[in-house]
Amino acid sequence: MTSNSNHNRSPVGFVLGTTYRKVAAQFQQRLAPYGITPEQWSALNQIDRAQGLIQKEIAERTSKDKPSTTRILDHLEKKGLIYKKPGEQDRRAFLVYSTEAGKALIRETTPIEESVTADVKSCLSDQEYDTLLELLMRVQNHINVNLCGGSDSGNEHE
């Protein structure tokens, strides 16, 4: 195992990035039989949790830009997992809902997401895991408020 002094020399962005990619790859591999990517799953999960979101809200909840969100929603719609309805107040803004197939897919695949989280937690104590989340949220909030000039996005778990 590497000593703490070596960890302190690693750029935080590199460590966060490589860790994220490894966890995401594990999630992607487990989702592959269902024909959905982690980013599609994340959007579908948010839609399923809060039916009738507009695209901007989905983008905020998944930390994606507008073009990426549009692409993801187009894929989900083609797969029959979501549908869009024109908004009553603003007919240019579409409200997005999960279909029965989308709801079923989330029900079936949520245990996969939970198993990936459990795998991460397995190398940490409960206190370490809570501290890890607390520290990551603190860094995220700091970046949102101080470096990006924005407010806390309040992103929910994928």
Protein backbone atom coordinates (compact mmCIF):
# COMPACT_ATOMS: atom_id res chain seq x y z
CA MET A 1 0.00 0.00 0.00
CA THR A 2 1.22 3.53 -0.74
CA SER A 3 2.20 5.79 2.13
CA ASN A 4 0.13 8.85 3.11
CA SER A 5 2.95 11.16 2.01
CA ASN A 6 2.56 9.88 -1.56
CA HIS A 7 -1.23 10.43 -1.42
CA ASN A 8 -0.66 14.04 -0.38
CA ARG A 9 1.37 14.65 -3.55
CA SER A 10 -1.31 13.40 -5.95
CA PRO A 11 -3.41 16.14 -7.56
CA VAL A 12 -6.92 15.91 -6.13
CA GLY A 13 -8.49 16.22 -9.59
CA PHE A 14 -6.51 13.23 -10.81
CA VAL A 15 -7.48 11.08 -7.82
CA LEU A 16 -11.15 12.10 -8.04
CA GLY A 17 -11.20 11.55 -11.81
CA THR A 18 -9.58 8.13 -11.80
CA THR A 19 -11.75 6.98 -8.89
CA TYR A 20 -14.91 8.20 -10.63
CA ARG A 21 -13.95 6.48 -13.90
CA LYS A 22 -13.31 3.17 -12.12
CA VAL A 23 -16.61 3.27 -10.24
CA ALA A 24 -18.47 4.37 -13.41
CA ALA A 25 -16.85 1.56 -15.43
CA GLN A 26 -18.01 -0.97 -12.85
CA PHE A 27 -21.56 0.45 -13.01
CA GLN A 28 -21.47 0.49 -16.83
CA GLN A 29 -20.35 -3.14 -16.97
CA ARG A 30 -23.19 -4.22 -14.68
CA LEU A 31 -25.77 -2.16 -16.62
CA ALA A 32 -24.62 -3.45 -20.04
CA PRO A 33 -27.11 -6.35 -20.18
CA TYR A 34 -29.92 -3.79 -19.82
CA GLY A 35 -28.77 -1.68 -22.78
CA ILE A 36 -28.41 1.53 -20.79
CA THR A 37 -25.37 3.62 -19.86
CA PRO A 38 -24.72 5.13 -16.42
CA GLU A 39 -25.45 8.64 -17.71
CA GLN A 40 -28.75 7.46 -19.23
CA TRP A 41 -29.56 5.60 -16.02
CA SER A 42 -28.86 8.71 -13.96
CA ALA A 43 -31.21 10.84 -16.08
CA LEU A 44 -33.91 8.16 -16.09
CA ASN A 45 -33.59 7.76 -12.33
CA GLN A 46 -34.06 11.51 -11.79
CA ILE A 47 -37.06 11.54 -14.15
CA ASP A 48 -38.57 8.54 -12.38
CA ARG A 49 -38.13 10.21 -8.97
CA ALA A 50 -39.75 13.48 -10.06
CA GLN A 51 -42.12 13.01 -12.98
CA GLY A 52 -42.69 16.08 -15.15
CA LEU A 53 -39.25 17.66 -14.98
CA ILE A 54 -38.15 20.01 -17.74
CA GLN A 55 -34.87 19.43 -19.55
CA LYS A 56 -33.08 22.20 -17.62
CA GLU A 57 -33.98 20.55 -14.29
CA ILE A 58 -32.76 17.18 -15.53
CA ALA A 59 -29.48 18.78 -16.66
CA GLU A 60 -29.01 20.39 -13.23
CA ARG A 61 -29.82 17.20 -11.33
CA THR A 62 -27.40 15.13 -13.42
CA SER A 63 -24.67 17.81 -13.77
CA LYS A 64 -24.83 17.65 -17.56
CA ASP A 65 -24.84 20.47 -20.09
CA LYS A 66 -27.84 21.10 -22.35
CA PRO A 67 -26.49 19.34 -25.48
CA SER A 68 -25.53 16.23 -23.48
CA THR A 69 -28.91 16.19 -21.76
CA THR A 70 -30.69 16.51 -25.11
CA ARG A 71 -28.69 13.57 -26.48
CA ILE A 72 -29.39 11.43 -23.41
CA LEU A 73 -33.12 12.20 -23.49
CA ASP A 74 -33.28 11.43 -27.21
CA HIS A 75 -31.72 8.00 -26.56
CA LEU A 76 -34.09 7.30 -23.68
CA GLU A 77 -37.09 8.34 -25.78
CA LYS A 78 -35.99 6.12 -28.70
CA LYS A 79 -35.70 3.19 -26.28
CA GLY A 80 -39.27 3.83 -25.09
CA LEU A 81 -38.15 4.62 -21.53
CA ILE A 82 -39.43 8.23 -21.39
CA TYR A 83 -41.93 10.45 -23.14
CA LYS A 84 -42.25 14.22 -23.42
CA LYS A 85 -45.35 16.37 -23.10
CA PRO A 86 -45.56 20.10 -23.95
CA GLY A 87 -45.74 22.24 -20.82
CA GLU A 88 -49.04 23.91 -19.99
CA GLN A 89 -47.48 27.28 -19.12
CA ASP A 90 -44.76 27.27 -21.79
CA ARG A 91 -45.46 24.95 -24.70
CA ARG A 92 -41.80 25.23 -25.78
CA ALA A 93 -40.70 23.54 -22.56
CA PHE A 94 -41.35 19.82 -22.57
CA LEU A 95 -42.20 17.95 -19.40
CA VAL A 96 -40.46 14.58 -19.23
CA TYR A 97 -41.99 11.43 -17.76
CA SER A 98 -40.82 7.84 -17.47
CA THR A 99 -42.87 5.20 -19.27
CA GLU A 100 -43.92 1.95 -17.63
CA ALA A 101 -40.86 0.36 -19.28
CA GLY A 102 -38.65 3.10 -17.83
CA LYS A 103 -40.13 2.65 -14.36
CA ALA A 104 -39.62 -1.11 -14.59
CA LEU A 105 -36.01 -0.66 -15.72
CA ILE A 106 -35.26 1.62 -12.76
CA ARG A 107 -36.88 -0.87 -10.35
CA GLU A 108 -34.83 -3.69 -11.85
CA THR A 109 -31.50 -1.83 -11.99
CA THR A 110 -31.56 0.17 -8.74
CA PRO A 111 -30.10 -2.86 -6.91
CA ILE A 112 -27.18 -2.71 -9.37
CA GLU A 113 -26.47 0.91 -8.43
CA GLU A 114 -26.81 -0.03 -4.77
CA SER A 115 -24.36 -2.93 -5.24
CA VAL A 116 -21.75 -0.59 -6.75
CA THR A 117 -22.18 1.71 -3.75
CA ALA A 118 -21.88 -1.31 -1.42
CA ASP A 119 -18.65 -2.33 -3.15
CA VAL A 120 -17.20 1.13 -2.51
CA LYS A 121 -18.40 1.08 1.08
CA SER A 122 -16.89 -2.36 1.69
CA CYS A 123 -13.38 -0.94 2.02
CA LEU A 124 -14.47 1.79 4.47
CA SER A 125 -16.03 1.89 7.90
CA ASP A 126 -19.45 3.54 8.16
CA GLN A 127 -17.80 6.59 9.72
CA GLU A 128 -15.18 6.78 6.95
CA TYR A 129 -17.88 6.52 4.29
CA ASP A 130 -19.92 9.30 5.93
CA THR A 131 -16.79 11.43 6.22
CA LEU A 132 -15.89 10.78 2.57
CA LEU A 133 -19.33 11.95 1.41
CA GLU A 134 -19.20 14.96 3.72
CA LEU A 135 -15.77 16.00 2.41
CA LEU A 136 -16.73 15.47 -1.24
CA MET A 137 -19.89 17.57 -0.77
CA ARG A 138 -17.86 20.29 0.94
CA VAL A 139 -15.41 20.41 -1.97
CA GLN A 140 -18.28 20.39 -4.48
CA ASN A 141 -20.06 23.23 -2.67
CA HIS A 142 -16.82 25.22 -2.46
CA ILE A 143 -16.24 24.84 -6.19
CA ASN A 144 -19.86 25.72 -7.01
CA VAL A 145 -19.94 28.83 -4.83
CA ASN A 146 -16.38 30.16 -4.92
CA LEU A 147 -14.83 29.01 -8.16
CA CYS A 148 -17.78 28.76 -10.57
CA GLY A 149 -19.64 31.78 -9.26
CA GLY A 150 -22.76 29.67 -8.94
CA SER A 151 -24.77 28.31 -6.11
CA ASP A 152 -24.88 24.84 -4.70
CA SER A 153 -26.47 22.67 -7.36
CA GLY A 154 -27.81 20.28 -4.76
CA ASN A 155 -27.20 17.32 -7.05
CA GLU A 156 -28.87 14.25 -5.76
CA HIS A 157 -27.44 10.80 -5.85
CA GLU A 158 -27.52 9.39 -9.30
